[in-house]
Amino acid sequence: MSTLGSKEIVMEKRIIFQLNLPDGKSVETKAKPNRTIGHVLKPILDKYAFSMDSIVLHLATSCELINLEMPVSMLDKQRVVIISDPDTATV
C-alpha cells in the first residue's frame, strides 16, 4: 500500500491518434487537445523528411480532406492517412 501524502497529482487529457505516413510507416501520436493539427504534425513530418506543403491528409474512414487549422481533438482515437500531394510535391 502506498500513500501520496501531500503530493499533488495533475491529470491532463491527451489526444492519441495513429498516422500512416506516405512511405508506409505508422506513427502513434499523442498531443494536447488545445493544439492545431498543423502544429502537432509539423515536427513529425520534419523528422521523416516530408514537407507540410506537399501533403494532404484524411481519416482512414473517410476521403474528406482534413484542414490543418482544425483542433487536434477531432483526431482522437482515429487513423489519419497522409498522402504526398503530386500537385504540390517538389522533386
PDB file of N, CA and C in Angstrom:
ATOM      1  N   MET A   1       0.848  -1.172   0.000  1.00  0.00           N
ATOM      2  CA  MET A   1       0.000   0.000   0.000  1.00  0.00           C
ATOM      3  C   MET A   1       0.891   1.233   0.000  1.00  0.00           C
ATOM      4  N   SER A   2       0.551   2.197  -0.836  1.00  0.00           N
ATOM      5  CA  SER A   2       1.336   3.428  -0.880  1.00  0.00           C
ATOM      6  C   SER A   2       0.423   4.625  -0.658  1.00  0.00           C
ATOM      7  N   THR A   3       1.023   5.662  -0.121  1.00  0.00           N
ATOM      8  CA  THR A   3       0.259   6.888   0.100  1.00  0.00           C
ATOM      9  C   THR A   3       0.930   8.033  -0.635  1.00  0.00           C
ATOM     10  N   LEU A   4       0.133   8.968  -1.051  1.00  0.00           N
ATOM     11  CA  LEU A   4       0.658  10.132  -1.748  1.00  0.00           C
ATOM     12  C   LEU A   4       0.999  11.257  -0.784  1.00  0.00           C
ATOM     13  N   GLY A   5       0.527  11.160   0.433  1.00  0.00           N
ATOM     14  CA  GLY A   5       0.818  12.196   1.409  1.00  0.00           C
ATOM     15  C   GLY A   5       0.303  13.539   0.929  1.00  0.00           C
ATOM     16  N   SER A   6       1.186  14.513   0.914  1.00  0.00           N
ATOM     17  CA  SER A   6       0.784  15.856   0.490  1.00  0.00           C
ATOM     18  C   SER A   6       1.135  16.122  -0.972  1.00  0.00           C
ATOM     19  N   LYS A   7       1.379  15.071  -1.731  1.00  0.00           N
ATOM     20  CA  LYS A   7       1.712  15.221  -3.154  1.00  0.00           C
ATOM     21  C   LYS A   7       0.467  15.615  -3.946  1.00  0.00           C
ATOM     22  N   GLU A   8       0.675  16.430  -4.965  1.00  0.00           N
ATOM     23  CA  GLU A   8      -0.422  16.838  -5.837  1.00  0.00           C
ATOM     24  C   GLU A   8      -0.274  16.123  -7.176  1.00  0.00           C
ATOM     25  N   ILE A   9      -1.352  15.536  -7.639  1.00  0.00           N
ATOM     26  CA  ILE A   9      -1.344  14.842  -8.922  1.00  0.00           C
ATOM     27  C   ILE A   9      -2.223  15.620  -9.890  1.00  0.00           C
ATOM     28  N   VAL A  10      -1.668  15.907 -11.056  1.00  0.00           N
ATOM     29  CA  VAL A  10      -2.428  16.599 -12.091  1.00  0.00           C
ATOM     30  C   VAL A  10      -2.594  15.647 -13.267  1.00  0.00           C
ATOM     31  N   MET A  11      -3.826  15.407 -13.646  1.00  0.00           N
ATOM     32  CA  MET A  11      -4.089  14.553 -14.800  1.00  0.00           C
ATOM     33  C   MET A  11      -4.521  15.449 -15.949  1.00  0.00           C
ATOM     34  N   GLU A  12      -3.821  15.323 -17.072  1.00  0.00           N
ATOM     35  CA  GLU A  12      -4.138  16.129 -18.241  1.00  0.00           C
ATOM     36  C   GLU A  12      -4.591  15.219 -19.375  1.00  0.00           C
ATOM     37  N   LYS A  13      -5.620  15.626 -20.058  1.00  0.00           N
ATOM     38  CA  LYS A  13      -6.134  14.855 -21.196  1.00  0.00           C
ATOM     39  C   LYS A  13      -5.146  14.937 -22.351  1.00  0.00           C
ATOM     40  N   ARG A  14      -4.990  13.845 -23.065  1.00  0.00           N
ATOM     41  CA  ARG A  14      -4.157  13.793 -24.261  1.00  0.00           C
ATOM     42  C   ARG A  14      -4.971  13.165 -25.387  1.00  0.00           C
ATOM     43  N   ILE A  15      -4.718  13.641 -26.573  1.00  0.00           N
ATOM     44  CA  ILE A  15      -5.336  13.096 -27.775  1.00  0.00           C
ATOM     45  C   ILE A  15      -4.360  12.082 -28.358  1.00  0.00           C
ATOM     46  N   ILE A  16      -4.835  10.899 -28.670  1.00  0.00           N
ATOM     47  CA  ILE A  16      -3.988   9.851 -29.242  1.00  0.00           C
ATOM     48  C   ILE A  16      -4.573   9.462 -30.593  1.00  0.00           C
ATOM     49  N   PHE A  17      -3.706   9.438 -31.609  1.00  0.00           N
ATOM     50  CA  PHE A  17      -4.140   9.011 -32.936  1.00  0.00           C
ATOM     51  C   PHE A  17      -2.981   8.371 -33.677  1.00  0.00           C
ATOM     52  N   GLN A  18      -3.316   7.618 -34.699  1.00  0.00           N
ATOM     53  CA  GLN A  18      -2.334   6.886 -35.499  1.00  0.00           C
ATOM     54  C   GLN A  18      -2.127   7.615 -36.821  1.00  0.00           C
ATOM     55  N   LEU A  19      -0.865   7.808 -37.219  1.00  0.00           N
ATOM     56  CA  LEU A  19      -0.533   8.431 -38.502  1.00  0.00           C
ATOM     57  C   LEU A  19       0.018   7.380 -39.446  1.00  0.00           C
ATOM     58  N   ASN A  20      -0.527   7.307 -40.637  1.00  0.00           N
ATOM     59  CA  ASN A  20       0.042   6.477 -41.697  1.00  0.00           C
ATOM     60  C   ASN A  20       0.783   7.415 -42.635  1.00  0.00           C
ATOM     61  N   LEU A  21       2.116   7.326 -42.653  1.00  0.00           N
ATOM     62  CA  LEU A  21       2.940   8.207 -43.476  1.00  0.00           C
ATOM     63  C   LEU A  21       2.991   7.709 -44.917  1.00  0.00           C
ATOM     64  N   PRO A  22       3.318   8.604 -45.869  1.00  0.00           N
ATOM     65  CA  PRO A  22       3.365   8.202 -47.283  1.00  0.00           C
ATOM     66  C   PRO A  22       4.368   7.089 -47.582  1.00  0.00           C
ATOM     67  N   ASP A  23       5.408   6.949 -46.760  1.00  0.00           N
ATOM     68  CA  ASP A  23       6.417   5.912 -47.012  1.00  0.00           C
ATOM     69  C   ASP A  23       6.046   4.560 -46.402  1.00  0.00           C
ATOM     70  N   GLY A  24       4.824   4.447 -45.871  1.00  0.00           N
ATOM     71  CA  GLY A  24       4.359   3.183 -45.322  1.00  0.00           C
ATOM     72  C   GLY A  24       4.564   3.039 -43.823  1.00  0.00           C
ATOM     73  N   LYS A  25       5.290   3.960 -43.204  1.00  0.00           N
ATOM     74  CA  LYS A  25       5.492   3.896 -41.756  1.00  0.00           C
ATOM     75  C   LYS A  25       4.219   4.330 -41.043  1.00  0.00           C
ATOM     76  N   SER A  26       4.071   3.837 -39.821  1.00  0.00           N
ATOM     77  CA  SER A  26       2.930   4.184 -38.998  1.00  0.00           C
ATOM     78  C   SER A  26       3.447   4.712 -37.664  1.00  0.00           C
ATOM     79  N   VAL A  27       2.914   5.850 -37.219  1.00  0.00           N
ATOM     80  CA  VAL A  27       3.397   6.503 -36.004  1.00  0.00           C
ATOM     81  C   VAL A  27       2.211   6.791 -35.091  1.00  0.00           C
ATOM     82  N   GLU A  28       2.281   6.301 -33.840  1.00  0.00           N
ATOM     83  CA  GLU A  28       1.262   6.659 -32.865  1.00  0.00           C
ATOM     84  C   GLU A  28       1.635   8.007 -32.273  1.00  0.00           C
ATOM     85  N   THR A  29       0.663   8.902 -32.187  1.00  0.00           N
ATOM     86  CA  THR A  29       0.934  10.278 -31.794  1.00  0.00           C
ATOM     87  C   THR A  29       0.060  10.683 -30.619  1.00  0.00           C
ATOM     88  N   LYS A  30       0.675  11.389 -29.652  1.00  0.00           N
ATOM     89  CA  LYS A  30      -0.050  11.954 -28.518  1.00  0.00           C
ATOM     90  C   LYS A  30       0.102  13.465 -28.570  1.00  0.00           C
ATOM     91  N   ALA A  31      -0.975  14.192 -28.250  1.00  0.00           N
ATOM     92  CA  ALA A  31      -0.924  15.648 -28.296  1.00  0.00           C
ATOM     93  C   ALA A  31      -1.877  16.250 -27.275  1.00  0.00           C
ATOM     94  N   LYS A  32      -1.591  17.483 -26.884  1.00  0.00           N
ATOM     95  CA  LYS A  32      -2.511  18.222 -26.031  1.00  0.00           C
ATOM     96  C   LYS A  32      -3.714  18.634 -26.878  1.00  0.00           C
ATOM     97  N   PRO A  33      -4.915  18.573 -26.322  1.00  0.00           N
ATOM     98  CA  PRO A  33      -6.123  18.811 -27.116  1.00  0.00           C
ATOM     99  C   PRO A  33      -6.296  20.241 -27.625  1.00  0.00           C
ATOM    100  N   ASN A  34      -5.595  21.205 -27.055  1.00  0.00           N
ATOM    101  CA  ASN A  34      -5.783  22.595 -27.465  1.00  0.00           C
ATOM    102  C   ASN A  34      -4.897  23.006 -28.641  1.00  0.00           C
ATOM    103  N   ARG A  35      -4.120  22.094 -29.198  1.00  0.00           N
ATOM    104  CA  ARG A  35      -3.229  22.414 -30.319  1.00  0.00           C
ATOM    105  C   ARG A  35      -3.926  22.146 -31.650  1.00  0.00           C
ATOM    106  N   THR A  36      -3.408  22.782 -32.712  1.00  0.00           N
ATOM    107  CA  THR A  36      -3.969  22.527 -34.039  1.00  0.00           C
ATOM    108  C   THR A  36      -3.282  21.304 -34.652  1.00  0.00           C
ATOM    109  N   ILE A  37      -3.931  20.726 -35.638  1.00  0.00           N
ATOM    110  CA  ILE A  37      -3.376  19.557 -36.319  1.00  0.00           C
ATOM    111  C   ILE A  37      -2.035  19.904 -36.949  1.00  0.00           C
ATOM    112  N   GLY A  38      -1.946  21.069 -37.572  1.00  0.00           N
ATOM    113  CA  GLY A  38      -0.703  21.503 -38.210  1.00  0.00           C
ATOM    114  C   GLY A  38       0.452  21.620 -37.235  1.00  0.00           C
ATOM    115  N   HIS A  39       0.193  22.184 -36.039  1.00  0.00           N
ATOM    116  CA  HIS A  39       1.252  22.325 -35.038  1.00  0.00           C
ATOM    117  C   HIS A  39       1.742  20.969 -34.534  1.00  0.00           C
ATOM    118  N   VAL A  40       0.850  20.018 -34.450  1.00  0.00           N
ATOM    119  CA  VAL A  40       1.225  18.680 -33.978  1.00  0.00           C
ATOM    120  C   VAL A  40       2.000  17.920 -35.057  1.00  0.00           C
ATOM    121  N   LEU A  41       1.569  18.050 -36.310  1.00  0.00           N
ATOM    122  CA  LEU A  41       2.187  17.276 -37.388  1.00  0.00           C
ATOM    123  C   LEU A  41       3.529  17.824 -37.859  1.00  0.00           C
ATOM    124  N   LYS A  42       3.759  19.122 -37.755  1.00  0.00           N
ATOM    125  CA  LYS A  42       4.978  19.741 -38.298  1.00  0.00           C
ATOM    126  C   LYS A  42       6.255  19.040 -37.836  1.00  0.00           C
ATOM    127  N   PRO A  43       6.507  18.865 -36.535  1.00  0.00           N
ATOM    128  CA  PRO A  43       7.754  18.200 -36.123  1.00  0.00           C
ATOM    129  C   PRO A  43       7.840  16.736 -36.560  1.00  0.00           C
ATOM    130  N   ILE A  44       6.716  16.066 -36.637  1.00  0.00           N
ATOM    131  CA  ILE A  44       6.718  14.666 -37.081  1.00  0.00           C
ATOM    132  C   ILE A  44       7.086  14.591 -38.555  1.00  0.00           C
ATOM    133  N   LEU A  45       6.467  15.440 -39.357  1.00  0.00           N
ATOM    134  CA  LEU A  45       6.764  15.454 -40.792  1.00  0.00           C
ATOM    135  C   LEU A  45       8.204  15.866 -41.050  1.00  0.00           C
ATOM    136  N   ASP A  46       8.711  16.828 -40.279  1.00  0.00           N
ATOM    137  CA  ASP A  46      10.117  17.235 -40.415  1.00  0.00           C
ATOM    138  C   ASP A  46      11.046  16.061 -40.122  1.00  0.00           C
ATOM    139  N   LYS A  47      10.735  15.310 -39.072  1.00  0.00           N
ATOM    140  CA  LYS A  47      11.569  14.172 -38.684  1.00  0.00           C
ATOM    141  C   LYS A  47      11.654  13.130 -39.796  1.00  0.00           C
ATOM    142  N   TYR A  48      10.552  12.908 -40.497  1.00  0.00           N
ATOM    143  CA  TYR A  48      10.517  11.897 -41.552  1.00  0.00           C
ATOM    144  C   TYR A  48      10.708  12.501 -42.946  1.00  0.00           C
ATOM    145  N   ALA A  49      11.178  13.749 -43.018  1.00  0.00           N
ATOM    146  CA  ALA A  49      11.546  14.444 -44.263  1.00  0.00           C
ATOM    147  C   ALA A  49      10.377  14.641 -45.227  1.00  0.00           C
ATOM    148  N   PHE A  50       9.220  14.991 -44.680  1.00  0.00           N
ATOM    149  CA  PHE A  50       8.077  15.364 -45.505  1.00  0.00           C
ATOM    150  C   PHE A  50       7.790  16.841 -45.279  1.00  0.00           C
ATOM    151  N   SER A  51       7.317  17.507 -46.302  1.00  0.00           N
ATOM    152  CA  SER A  51       7.004  18.929 -46.215  1.00  0.00           C
ATOM    153  C   SER A  51       5.504  19.114 -45.988  1.00  0.00           C
ATOM    154  N   MET A  52       5.153  20.062 -45.121  1.00  0.00           N
ATOM    155  CA  MET A  52       3.746  20.373 -44.876  1.00  0.00           C
ATOM    156  C   MET A  52       3.061  20.834 -46.160  1.00  0.00           C
ATOM    157  N   ASP A  53       3.829  21.438 -47.064  1.00  0.00           N
ATOM    158  CA  ASP A  53       3.260  21.974 -48.303  1.00  0.00           C
ATOM    159  C   ASP A  53       3.006  20.903 -49.355  1.00  0.00           C
ATOM    160  N   SER A  54       3.548  19.718 -49.153  1.00  0.00           N
ATOM    161  CA  SER A  54       3.429  18.693 -50.198  1.00  0.00           C
ATOM    162  C   SER A  54       2.636  17.466 -49.756  1.00  0.00           C
ATOM    163  N   ILE A  55       1.783  17.636 -48.749  1.00  0.00           N
ATOM    164  CA  ILE A  55       0.981  16.507 -48.283  1.00  0.00           C
ATOM    165  C   ILE A  55      -0.490  16.899 -48.168  1.00  0.00           C
ATOM    166  N   VAL A  56      -1.335  15.896 -48.208  1.00  0.00           N
ATOM    167  CA  VAL A  56      -2.744  16.044 -47.854  1.00  0.00           C
ATOM    168  C   VAL A  56      -3.059  14.913 -46.886  1.00  0.00           C
ATOM    169  N   LEU A  57      -4.071  15.119 -46.046  1.00  0.00           N
ATOM    170  CA  LEU A  57      -4.410  14.056 -45.108  1.00  0.00           C
ATOM    171  C   LEU A  57      -5.907  13.896 -44.979  1.00  0.00           C
ATOM    172  N   HIS A  58      -6.301  12.681 -44.637  1.00  0.00           N
ATOM    173  CA  HIS A  58      -7.707  12.359 -44.415  1.00  0.00           C
ATOM    174  C   HIS A  58      -7.786  11.225 -43.399  1.00  0.00           C
ATOM    175  N   LEU A  59      -8.967  11.053 -42.830  1.00  0.00           N
ATOM    176  CA  LEU A  59      -9.189   9.932 -41.923  1.00  0.00           C
ATOM    177  C   LEU A  59      -9.274   8.653 -42.737  1.00  0.00           C
ATOM    178  N   ALA A  60      -8.856   7.558 -42.153  1.00  0.00           N
ATOM    179  CA  ALA A  60      -8.907   6.269 -42.848  1.00  0.00           C
ATOM    180  C   ALA A  60     -10.345   5.872 -43.168  1.00  0.00           C
ATOM    181  N   THR A  61     -11.293   6.394 -42.409  1.00  0.00           N
ATOM    182  CA  THR A  61     -12.700   6.043 -42.603  1.00  0.00           C
ATOM    183  C   THR A  61     -13.421   6.974 -43.569  1.00  0.00           C
ATOM    184  N   SER A  62     -12.709   7.971 -44.115  1.00  0.00           N
ATOM    185  CA  SER A  62     -13.342   8.962 -44.978  1.00  0.00           C
ATOM    186  C   SER A  62     -12.337   9.472 -46.003  1.00  0.00           C
ATOM    187  N   CYS A  63     -12.832   9.931 -47.134  1.00  0.00           N
ATOM    188  CA  CYS A  63     -11.954  10.528 -48.154  1.00  0.00           C
ATOM    189  C   CYS A  63     -11.933  12.048 -48.050  1.00  0.00           C
ATOM    190  N   GLU A  64     -12.685  12.602 -47.100  1.00  0.00           N
ATOM    191  CA  GLU A  64     -12.734  14.054 -46.925  1.00  0.00           C
ATOM    192  C   GLU A  64     -11.402  14.548 -46.353  1.00  0.00           C
ATOM    193  N   LEU A  65     -10.828  15.575 -46.986  1.00  0.00           N
ATOM    194  CA  LEU A  65      -9.539  16.103 -46.547  1.00  0.00           C
ATOM    195  C   LEU A  65      -9.670  16.808 -45.205  1.00  0.00           C
ATOM    196  N   ILE A  66      -8.598  16.776 -44.423  1.00  0.00           N
ATOM    197  CA  ILE A  66      -8.565  17.388 -43.096  1.00  0.00           C
ATOM    198  C   ILE A  66      -7.839  18.722 -43.182  1.00  0.00           C
ATOM    199  N   ASN A  67      -8.436  19.751 -42.594  1.00  0.00           N
ATOM    200  CA  ASN A  67      -7.843  21.083 -42.531  1.00  0.00           C
ATOM    201  C   ASN A  67      -6.814  21.116 -41.403  1.00  0.00           C
ATOM    202  N   LEU A  68      -5.600  21.565 -41.693  1.00  0.00           N
ATOM    203  CA  LEU A  68      -4.525  21.595 -40.695  1.00  0.00           C
ATOM    204  C   LEU A  68      -4.759  22.616 -39.590  1.00  0.00           C
ATOM    205  N   GLU A  69      -5.705  23.529 -39.777  1.00  0.00           N
ATOM    206  CA  GLU A  69      -6.008  24.540 -38.761  1.00  0.00           C
ATOM    207  C   GLU A  69      -7.054  24.066 -37.753  1.00  0.00           C
ATOM    208  N   MET A  70      -7.612  22.894 -37.965  1.00  0.00           N
ATOM    209  CA  MET A  70      -8.614  22.350 -37.048  1.00  0.00           C
ATOM    210  C   MET A  70      -7.930  21.886 -35.761  1.00  0.00           C
ATOM    211  N   PRO A  71      -8.681  21.841 -34.651  1.00  0.00           N
ATOM    212  CA  PRO A  71      -8.088  21.337 -33.407  1.00  0.00           C
ATOM    213  C   PRO A  71      -7.773  19.844 -33.518  1.00  0.00           C
ATOM    214  N   VAL A  72      -6.664  19.450 -32.924  1.00  0.00           N
ATOM    215  CA  VAL A  72      -6.231  18.055 -32.989  1.00  0.00           C
ATOM    216  C   VAL A  72      -7.214  17.134 -32.259  1.00  0.00           C
ATOM    217  N   SER A  73      -8.048  17.694 -31.406  1.00  0.00           N
ATOM    218  CA  SER A  73      -9.013  16.878 -30.660  1.00  0.00           C
ATOM    219  C   SER A  73      -9.971  16.125 -31.584  1.00  0.00           C
ATOM    220  N   MET A  74     -10.161  16.601 -32.816  1.00  0.00           N
ATOM    221  CA  MET A  74     -11.054  15.890 -33.744  1.00  0.00           C
ATOM    222  C   MET A  74     -10.451  14.570 -34.233  1.00  0.00           C
ATOM    223  N   LEU A  75      -9.159  14.351 -33.962  1.00  0.00           N
ATOM    224  CA  LEU A  75      -8.488  13.131 -34.410  1.00  0.00           C
ATOM    225  C   LEU A  75      -8.400  12.058 -33.331  1.00  0.00           C
ATOM    226  N   ASP A  76      -8.963  12.297 -32.159  1.00  0.00           N
ATOM    227  CA  ASP A  76      -8.824  11.364 -31.043  1.00  0.00           C
ATOM    228  C   ASP A  76      -9.291   9.957 -31.423  1.00  0.00           C
ATOM    229  N   LYS A  77      -8.406   8.999 -31.203  1.00  0.00           N
ATOM    230  CA  LYS A  77      -8.660   7.570 -31.453  1.00  0.00           C
ATOM    231  C   LYS A  77      -8.956   7.277 -32.925  1.00  0.00           C
ATOM    232  N   GLN A  78      -8.399   8.071 -33.828  1.00  0.00           N
ATOM    233  CA  GLN A  78      -8.610   7.893 -35.266  1.00  0.00           C
ATOM    234  C   GLN A  78      -7.309   7.465 -35.939  1.00  0.00           C
ATOM    235  N   ARG A  79      -7.426   6.971 -37.158  1.00  0.00           N
ATOM    236  CA  ARG A  79      -6.265   6.679 -38.003  1.00  0.00           C
ATOM    237  C   ARG A  79      -6.260   7.724 -39.106  1.00  0.00           C
ATOM    238  N   VAL A  80      -5.145   8.455 -39.210  1.00  0.00           N
ATOM    239  CA  VAL A  80      -5.003   9.526 -40.190  1.00  0.00           C
ATOM    240  C   VAL A  80      -4.041   9.068 -41.282  1.00  0.00           C
ATOM    241  N   VAL A  81      -4.464   9.204 -42.517  1.00  0.00           N
ATOM    242  CA  VAL A  81      -3.647   8.807 -43.659  1.00  0.00           C
ATOM    243  C   VAL A  81      -3.063  10.067 -44.289  1.00  0.00           C
ATOM    244  N   ILE A  82      -1.731  10.099 -44.413  1.00  0.00           N
ATOM    245  CA  ILE A  82      -1.047  11.223 -45.046  1.00  0.00           C
ATOM    246  C   ILE A  82      -0.602  10.769 -46.428  1.00  0.00           C
ATOM    247  N   ILE A  83      -0.935  11.566 -47.422  1.00  0.00           N
ATOM    248  CA  ILE A  83      -0.606  11.245 -48.810  1.00  0.00           C
ATOM    249  C   ILE A  83       0.231  12.373 -49.384  1.00  0.00           C
ATOM    250  N   SER A  84       1.294  12.020 -50.114  1.00  0.00           N
ATOM    251  CA  SER A  84       2.056  13.034 -50.836  1.00  0.00           C
ATOM    252  C   SER A  84       1.162  13.577 -51.935  1.00  0.00           C
ATOM    253  N   ASP A  85       1.028  14.897 -51.975  1.00  0.00           N
ATOM    254  CA  ASP A  85       0.181  15.546 -52.974  1.00  0.00           C
ATOM    255  C   ASP A  85       0.998  15.804 -54.230  1.00  0.00           C
ATOM    256  N   PRO A  86       0.754  15.077 -55.313  1.00  0.00           N
ATOM    257  CA  PRO A  86       1.568  15.228 -56.522  1.00  0.00           C
ATOM    258  C   PRO A  86       1.454  16.616 -57.152  1.00  0.00           C
ATOM    259  N   ASP A  87       0.378  17.351 -56.868  1.00  0.00           N
ATOM    260  CA  ASP A  87       0.219  18.690 -57.432  1.00  0.00           C
ATOM    261  C   ASP A  87       1.149  19.710 -56.789  1.00  0.00           C
ATOM    262  N   THR A  88       1.564  19.465 -55.530  1.00  0.00           N
ATOM    263  CA  THR A  88       2.413  20.432 -54.834  1.00  0.00           C
ATOM    264  C   THR A  88       3.782  19.884 -54.487  1.00  0.00           C
ATOM    265  N   ALA A  89       4.000  18.600 -54.662  1.00  0.00           N
ATOM    266  CA  ALA A  89       5.284  17.990 -54.293  1.00  0.00           C
ATOM    267  C   ALA A  89       6.395  18.494 -55.209  1.00  0.00           C
ATOM    268  N   THR A  90       7.567  18.725 -54.608  1.00  0.00           N
ATOM    269  CA  THR A  90       8.729  19.134 -55.389  1.00  0.00           C
ATOM    270  C   THR A  90       9.654  17.945 -55.551  1.00  0.00           C
ATOM    271  N   VAL A  91      10.331  17.883 -56.679  1.00  0.00           N
ATOM    272  CA  VAL A  91      11.219  16.748 -56.960  1.00  0.00           C
ATOM    273  C   VAL A  91      12.634  17.122 -56.635  1.00  0.00           C
TER     274      VAL A  91
END
